[in-house]
Amino acid sequence: MSPLISGLASVASMIFNASSSNAGKAPAARRPADTAEAGPASVVHLSPQAQALAGAAGKALTQSAQAVATAATGAGGAQGSGQGGSVSKQDFQSLLTQFGATEAQKEQLATGLDANKDGSISRDEFLQGLANTQGSKAGSELSQALMQVMDGAGSGGVASPSNGKGDGAVSAKEFAALTTAFAALEKKGVKTV
């Protein structure tokens, strides 16, 4: 039994030494391969700050639903639906083009975010899409496509002011860029609900 323990200790020591001696070198050697291709097959995640923004989108969606319920019961007076405006599918796809989305991503996002299939993306539908980029739904194809566009991966990782860095992590700035652009388009009054 002593030779077995001795052998295991030797193997463990070799593994430890190999990982320790290459600890500083391995990440540098892997980094270009990890970031060189942030294409559609890459898994994109939210930075902690962007996760907070996605959480805020979920809270805004909840508040909007509460406003609709209040208006429906008559307790809220004439506050309206709380849904705000919406953006046509064509205008939304044009917006996505500015962020470097591929044709497939534009179609997937415009169709996937249009939950009621009326041909436009409402504020609530957009907020739901943003909220779904965190938690258990973050790995869904729709959420990944949305995060890839925010991160700039839709254009093969080519960085530009409108499409992020394409590094596989959506920053708060990248998250805010798409949401701000949607809000500006919605504000133009493309279609109000």
Protein backbone atom coordinates (compact mmCIF):
# COMPACT_ATOMS: atom_id res chain seq x y z
CA MET A 1 0.00 0.00 0.00
CA SER A 2 2.90 2.33 0.66
CA PRO A 3 4.13 2.13 -2.98
CA LEU A 4 0.61 3.03 -4.18
CA ILE A 5 0.42 6.10 -1.97
CA SER A 6 3.94 7.05 -2.93
CA GLY A 7 3.03 6.71 -6.64
CA LEU A 8 -0.11 8.83 -6.25
CA ALA A 9 1.87 11.47 -4.40
CA SER A 10 4.42 11.54 -7.21
CA VAL A 11 1.72 11.90 -9.87
CA ALA A 12 0.00 14.65 -7.86
CA SER A 13 3.33 16.41 -7.43
CA MET A 14 4.03 16.25 -11.17
CA ILE A 15 0.59 17.64 -12.01
CA PHE A 16 0.97 20.41 -9.45
CA ASN A 17 4.45 21.31 -10.70
CA ALA A 18 3.33 21.30 -14.32
CA SER A 19 0.37 23.53 -13.61
CA SER A 20 2.40 25.85 -11.38
CA SER A 21 5.25 26.29 -13.81
CA ASN A 22 2.88 27.06 -16.69
CA ALA A 23 0.42 29.14 -14.67
CA GLY A 24 1.78 32.45 -15.93
CA LYS A 25 2.31 31.24 -19.48
CA ALA A 26 -0.88 29.31 -20.25
CA PRO A 27 -3.38 32.17 -20.13
CA ALA A 28 -1.24 34.32 -22.39
CA ALA A 29 -0.89 31.47 -24.86
CA ARG A 30 -4.64 30.77 -24.83
CA ARG A 31 -5.91 34.36 -24.89
CA PRO A 32 -5.62 34.95 -28.65
CA ALA A 33 -7.42 31.71 -29.43
CA ASP A 34 -10.15 32.54 -26.90
CA THR A 35 -10.81 36.05 -28.23
CA ALA A 36 -9.79 35.74 -31.85
CA GLU A 37 -13.11 34.33 -32.94
CA ALA A 38 -16.15 35.52 -31.05
CA GLY A 39 -18.55 34.28 -33.69
CA PRO A 40 -22.12 33.14 -33.35
CA ALA A 41 -21.09 29.77 -31.90
CA SER A 42 -19.33 31.48 -28.98
CA VAL A 43 -21.07 31.63 -25.63
CA VAL A 44 -21.43 35.23 -24.53
CA HIS A 45 -22.10 36.31 -20.96
CA LEU A 46 -22.96 39.52 -19.16
CA SER A 47 -20.47 41.41 -17.03
CA PRO A 48 -21.64 41.97 -13.44
CA GLN A 49 -22.61 45.55 -14.34
CA ALA A 50 -24.57 44.38 -17.39
CA GLN A 51 -26.28 41.75 -15.20
CA ALA A 52 -27.48 44.62 -13.00
CA LEU A 53 -28.91 46.34 -16.08
CA ALA A 54 -30.65 43.13 -17.16
CA GLY A 55 -32.11 42.89 -13.67
CA ALA A 56 -33.33 46.47 -13.98
CA ALA A 57 -35.01 45.54 -17.28
CA GLY A 58 -36.82 42.73 -15.48
CA LYS A 59 -37.95 45.11 -12.74
CA ALA A 60 -39.17 47.63 -15.31
CA LEU A 61 -41.13 44.85 -17.00
CA THR A 62 -42.73 43.90 -13.68
CA GLN A 63 -43.66 47.53 -13.00
CA SER A 64 -45.13 47.84 -16.49
CA ALA A 65 -47.25 44.72 -15.92
CA GLN A 66 -48.44 46.14 -12.62
CA ALA A 67 -49.39 49.41 -14.33
CA VAL A 68 -51.40 47.47 -16.92
CA ALA A 69 -53.18 45.52 -14.19
CA THR A 70 -53.91 48.73 -12.28
CA ALA A 71 -55.27 50.43 -15.40
CA ALA A 72 -57.37 47.37 -16.23
CA THR A 73 -59.03 47.40 -12.83
CA GLY A 74 -59.69 51.11 -13.07
CA ALA A 75 -57.72 51.88 -9.94
CA GLY A 76 -55.06 53.80 -11.83
CA GLY A 77 -57.27 56.21 -13.68
CA ALA A 78 -56.17 57.14 -17.18
CA GLN A 79 -52.53 56.15 -16.92
CA GLY A 80 -52.55 54.19 -20.15
CA SER A 81 -51.26 50.72 -20.78
CA GLY A 82 -47.76 51.22 -19.45
CA GLN A 83 -46.43 49.42 -22.51
CA GLY A 84 -45.07 52.50 -24.24
CA GLY A 85 -44.31 52.47 -27.92
CA SER A 86 -43.07 49.82 -30.24
CA VAL A 87 -40.71 49.51 -33.17
CA SER A 88 -41.60 47.82 -36.46
CA LYS A 89 -39.81 44.61 -37.35
CA GLN A 90 -38.12 46.33 -40.30
CA ASP A 91 -36.90 49.27 -38.21
CA PHE A 92 -35.68 46.91 -35.49
CA GLN A 93 -33.72 44.91 -38.06
CA SER A 94 -32.20 48.17 -39.38
CA LEU A 95 -31.18 49.02 -35.83
CA LEU A 96 -29.56 45.59 -35.45
CA THR A 97 -27.64 46.21 -38.69
CA GLN A 98 -25.99 49.20 -37.01
CA PHE A 99 -24.75 46.80 -34.32
CA GLY A 100 -23.25 44.40 -36.86
CA ALA A 101 -25.95 41.71 -36.69
CA THR A 102 -25.93 39.06 -39.35
CA GLU A 103 -29.05 38.48 -41.47
CA ALA A 104 -29.78 35.32 -39.46
CA GLN A 105 -29.44 37.19 -36.15
CA LYS A 106 -31.68 40.02 -37.35
CA GLU A 107 -34.42 37.60 -38.36
CA GLN A 108 -34.04 35.49 -35.21
CA LEU A 109 -34.18 38.50 -32.88
CA ALA A 110 -37.01 40.33 -34.66
CA THR A 111 -39.12 37.18 -34.76
CA GLY A 112 -38.14 35.91 -31.31
CA LEU A 113 -38.70 39.18 -29.46
CA ASP A 114 -42.08 39.79 -31.12
CA ALA A 115 -43.93 37.62 -28.60
CA ASN A 116 -47.44 38.56 -29.74
CA LYS A 117 -46.50 38.26 -33.44
CA ASP A 118 -47.95 41.65 -34.42
CA GLY A 119 -44.99 42.63 -36.59
CA SER A 120 -43.42 45.01 -34.09
CA ILE A 121 -41.28 44.87 -30.97
CA SER A 122 -42.94 46.61 -28.02
CA ARG A 123 -41.02 48.09 -25.13
CA ASP A 124 -42.22 45.24 -22.92
CA GLU A 125 -41.15 42.61 -25.45
CA PHE A 126 -37.72 44.24 -25.70
CA LEU A 127 -37.41 44.46 -21.90
CA GLN A 128 -38.35 40.78 -21.63
CA GLY A 129 -35.61 39.92 -24.10
CA LEU A 130 -33.09 41.94 -22.09
CA ALA A 131 -34.24 40.37 -18.80
CA ASN A 132 -33.80 36.91 -20.33
CA THR A 133 -30.08 37.54 -20.91
CA GLN A 134 -29.43 36.63 -17.28
CA GLY A 135 -30.25 33.61 -15.18
CA SER A 136 -31.48 30.31 -16.54
CA LYS A 137 -32.52 31.72 -19.93
CA ALA A 138 -29.13 33.31 -20.67
CA GLY A 139 -28.06 30.21 -22.58
CA SER A 140 -31.08 30.18 -24.89
CA GLU A 141 -30.44 30.75 -28.59
CA LEU A 142 -32.42 34.00 -28.54
CA SER A 143 -30.57 35.39 -25.51
CA GLN A 144 -27.22 34.36 -26.95
CA ALA A 145 -28.04 36.04 -30.27
CA LEU A 146 -29.03 39.23 -28.44
CA MET A 147 -25.85 39.20 -26.35
CA GLN A 148 -23.69 38.45 -29.41
CA VAL A 149 -25.11 41.52 -31.14
CA MET A 150 -24.54 43.67 -28.05
CA ASP A 151 -20.99 42.34 -27.77
CA GLY A 152 -20.19 42.83 -31.44
CA ALA A 153 -19.91 39.13 -32.20
CA GLY A 154 -22.60 39.47 -34.85
CA SER A 155 -20.03 41.03 -37.13
CA GLY A 156 -17.43 38.36 -36.51
CA GLY A 157 -15.96 40.21 -33.56
CA VAL A 158 -14.99 43.32 -35.54
CA ALA A 159 -15.07 46.17 -33.06
CA SER A 160 -16.76 49.45 -33.91
CA PRO A 161 -18.37 52.21 -31.86
CA SER A 162 -21.82 50.72 -32.44
CA ASN A 163 -21.17 47.04 -31.95
CA GLY A 164 -18.91 46.47 -28.96
CA LYS A 165 -15.63 44.60 -28.61
CA GLY A 166 -16.61 41.05 -29.48
CA ASP A 167 -14.72 39.69 -26.47
CA GLY A 168 -17.43 37.31 -25.22
CA ALA A 169 -18.51 39.52 -22.31
CA VAL A 170 -21.20 42.17 -22.64
CA SER A 171 -20.15 45.25 -20.68
CA ALA A 172 -22.60 47.73 -19.18
CA LYS A 173 -21.65 50.17 -21.95
CA GLU A 174 -22.40 47.62 -24.67
CA PHE A 175 -25.69 46.67 -22.97
CA ALA A 176 -26.69 50.32 -22.65
CA ALA A 177 -25.79 51.11 -26.28
CA LEU A 178 -28.45 48.76 -27.67
CA THR A 179 -31.08 49.74 -25.11
CA THR A 180 -30.49 53.44 -25.74
CA ALA A 181 -30.69 52.95 -29.49
CA PHE A 182 -33.98 51.03 -29.11
CA ALA A 183 -35.41 53.75 -26.86
CA ALA A 184 -34.42 56.46 -29.35
CA LEU A 185 -36.07 54.54 -32.19
CA GLU A 186 -39.16 53.95 -30.08
CA LYS A 187 -39.29 57.65 -29.15
CA LYS A 188 -39.41 58.62 -32.83
CA GLY A 189 -42.94 57.27 -32.69
CA VAL A 190 -42.53 54.49 -35.21
CA LYS A 191 -45.67 52.95 -33.70
CA THR A 192 -47.31 53.49 -30.34
CA VAL A 193 -49.35 50.94 -28.48
